[in-house]
Amino acid sequence: MKLVKVLGTDNCVNCTNLKNKISQIIDSSNYDAKVEKITNIVDIMGYGVMSVPAVVVDEELKCFGRSPSETELHDWLK
């Protein structure tokens, strides 16, 4: 099972929307994955991220400072 982490603050609308979008893609495509949102700033900085939202898949930073495209998300979740 893949573990997807969305890094972002509690009050970041883009981060919350991204987490929801990833959840929908996982559900609709039946990917063996789960998504969680990481809001602790120390944990976020541990990935070397200085701007959010950011996406980590199986502990590999995939992008930060932007919301990835749906195509990118599918590629990372396969």
C-alpha atoms as a PDB file:
ATOM      1  CA  MET A   1       0.000   0.000   0.000  1.00  0.00           C
ATOM      2  CA  LYS A   2       1.273   3.436  -0.928  1.00  0.00           C
ATOM      3  CA  LEU A   3       1.223   6.134   1.705  1.00  0.00           C
ATOM      4  CA  VAL A   4       0.565   9.637   0.411  1.00  0.00           C
ATOM      5  CA  LYS A   5       1.192  12.611   2.665  1.00  0.00           C
ATOM      6  CA  VAL A   6      -0.098  16.088   1.937  1.00  0.00           C
ATOM      7  CA  LEU A   7       2.041  18.575   3.822  1.00  0.00           C
ATOM      8  CA  GLY A   8       0.311  21.782   4.809  1.00  0.00           C
ATOM      9  CA  THR A   9      -1.087  23.903   7.589  1.00  0.00           C
ATOM     10  CA  ASP A  10      -4.486  23.399   9.207  1.00  0.00           C
ATOM     11  CA  ASN A  11      -5.921  26.564   7.665  1.00  0.00           C
ATOM     12  CA  CYS A  12      -4.527  26.034   4.140  1.00  0.00           C
ATOM     13  CA  VAL A  13      -7.532  25.635   1.832  1.00  0.00           C
ATOM     14  CA  ASN A  14      -5.342  24.486  -1.075  1.00  0.00           C
ATOM     15  CA  CYS A  15      -3.802  21.773   1.111  1.00  0.00           C
ATOM     16  CA  THR A  16      -7.184  20.517   2.285  1.00  0.00           C
ATOM     17  CA  ASN A  17      -8.563  20.550  -1.265  1.00  0.00           C
ATOM     18  CA  LEU A  18      -5.518  18.620  -2.484  1.00  0.00           C
ATOM     19  CA  LYS A  19      -5.948  15.962   0.204  1.00  0.00           C
ATOM     20  CA  ASN A  20      -9.618  15.600  -0.771  1.00  0.00           C
ATOM     21  CA  LYS A  21      -8.713  15.394  -4.470  1.00  0.00           C
ATOM     22  CA  ILE A  22      -6.175  12.636  -3.796  1.00  0.00           C
ATOM     23  CA  SER A  23      -8.715  10.744  -1.666  1.00  0.00           C
ATOM     24  CA  GLN A  24     -11.234  10.906  -4.513  1.00  0.00           C
ATOM     25  CA  ILE A  25      -8.677   9.649  -7.042  1.00  0.00           C
ATOM     26  CA  ILE A  26      -7.701   6.769  -4.762  1.00  0.00           C
ATOM     27  CA  ASP A  27     -11.339   5.788  -4.253  1.00  0.00           C
ATOM     28  CA  SER A  28     -12.463   6.142  -7.866  1.00  0.00           C
ATOM     29  CA  SER A  29      -9.431   4.321  -9.303  1.00  0.00           C
ATOM     30  CA  ASN A  30      -9.218   1.633  -6.612  1.00  0.00           C
ATOM     31  CA  TYR A  31      -5.551   2.350  -5.925  1.00  0.00           C
ATOM     32  CA  ASP A  32      -4.005   0.533  -2.993  1.00  0.00           C
ATOM     33  CA  ALA A  33      -3.105   3.738  -1.182  1.00  0.00           C
ATOM     34  CA  LYS A  34      -4.080   5.954   1.694  1.00  0.00           C
ATOM     35  CA  VAL A  35      -3.666   9.679   2.191  1.00  0.00           C
ATOM     36  CA  GLU A  36      -3.030  11.710   5.301  1.00  0.00           C
ATOM     37  CA  LYS A  37      -2.445  15.384   5.961  1.00  0.00           C
ATOM     38  CA  ILE A  38       0.652  16.413   7.895  1.00  0.00           C
ATOM     39  CA  THR A  39       0.293  19.795   9.624  1.00  0.00           C
ATOM     40  CA  ASN A  40       3.137  19.811  12.142  1.00  0.00           C
ATOM     41  CA  ILE A  41       5.614  22.447  10.926  1.00  0.00           C
ATOM     42  CA  VAL A  42       8.620  20.532  12.287  1.00  0.00           C
ATOM     43  CA  ASP A  43       7.545  17.413  10.364  1.00  0.00           C
ATOM     44  CA  ILE A  44       6.987  19.485   7.212  1.00  0.00           C
ATOM     45  CA  MET A  45      10.415  21.110   7.490  1.00  0.00           C
ATOM     46  CA  GLY A  46      11.929  17.637   7.897  1.00  0.00           C
ATOM     47  CA  TYR A  47      11.146  17.087   4.214  1.00  0.00           C
ATOM     48  CA  GLY A  48      12.984  20.296   3.282  1.00  0.00           C
ATOM     49  CA  VAL A  49       9.723  21.925   2.224  1.00  0.00           C
ATOM     50  CA  MET A  50       9.501  25.691   2.490  1.00  0.00           C
ATOM     51  CA  SER A  51       6.163  26.184   0.723  1.00  0.00           C
ATOM     52  CA  VAL A  52       2.945  24.204   0.765  1.00  0.00           C
ATOM     53  CA  PRO A  53       1.055  22.284  -0.401  1.00  0.00           C
ATOM     54  CA  ALA A  54       3.539  19.481  -0.849  1.00  0.00           C
ATOM     55  CA  VAL A  55       3.053  15.830  -1.731  1.00  0.00           C
ATOM     56  CA  VAL A  56       5.141  12.936  -0.420  1.00  0.00           C
ATOM     57  CA  VAL A  57       4.572   9.401  -1.729  1.00  0.00           C
ATOM     58  CA  ASP A  58       6.220   6.563   0.195  1.00  0.00           C
ATOM     59  CA  GLU A  59       8.585   9.089   1.807  1.00  0.00           C
ATOM     60  CA  GLU A  60       9.664  10.555  -1.555  1.00  0.00           C
ATOM     61  CA  LEU A  61       8.943  14.254  -2.041  1.00  0.00           C
ATOM     62  CA  LYS A  62       7.104  14.581  -5.347  1.00  0.00           C
ATOM     63  CA  CYS A  63       6.268  18.299  -5.452  1.00  0.00           C
ATOM     64  CA  PHE A  64       5.906  21.378  -3.282  1.00  0.00           C
ATOM     65  CA  GLY A  65       4.547  24.892  -3.556  1.00  0.00           C
ATOM     66  CA  ARG A  66       1.855  23.838  -6.024  1.00  0.00           C
ATOM     67  CA  SER A  67      -1.012  21.431  -6.546  1.00  0.00           C
ATOM     68  CA  PRO A  68      -0.010  18.648  -8.947  1.00  0.00           C
ATOM     69  CA  SER A  69      -2.091  17.779 -11.973  1.00  0.00           C
ATOM     70  CA  GLU A  70      -4.455  14.835 -11.942  1.00  0.00           C
ATOM     71  CA  THR A  71      -2.152  13.062 -14.430  1.00  0.00           C
ATOM     72  CA  GLU A  72       0.809  13.463 -12.079  1.00  0.00           C
ATOM     73  CA  LEU A  73      -1.226  12.102  -9.180  1.00  0.00           C
ATOM     74  CA  HIS A  74      -2.285   9.031 -11.172  1.00  0.00           C
ATOM     75  CA  ASP A  75       1.338   8.405 -12.208  1.00  0.00           C
ATOM     76  CA  TRP A  76       2.492   8.563  -8.585  1.00  0.00           C
ATOM     77  CA  LEU A  77      -0.286   6.303  -7.327  1.00  0.00           C
ATOM     78  CA  LYS A  78       0.083   3.477  -9.873  1.00  0.00           C
END
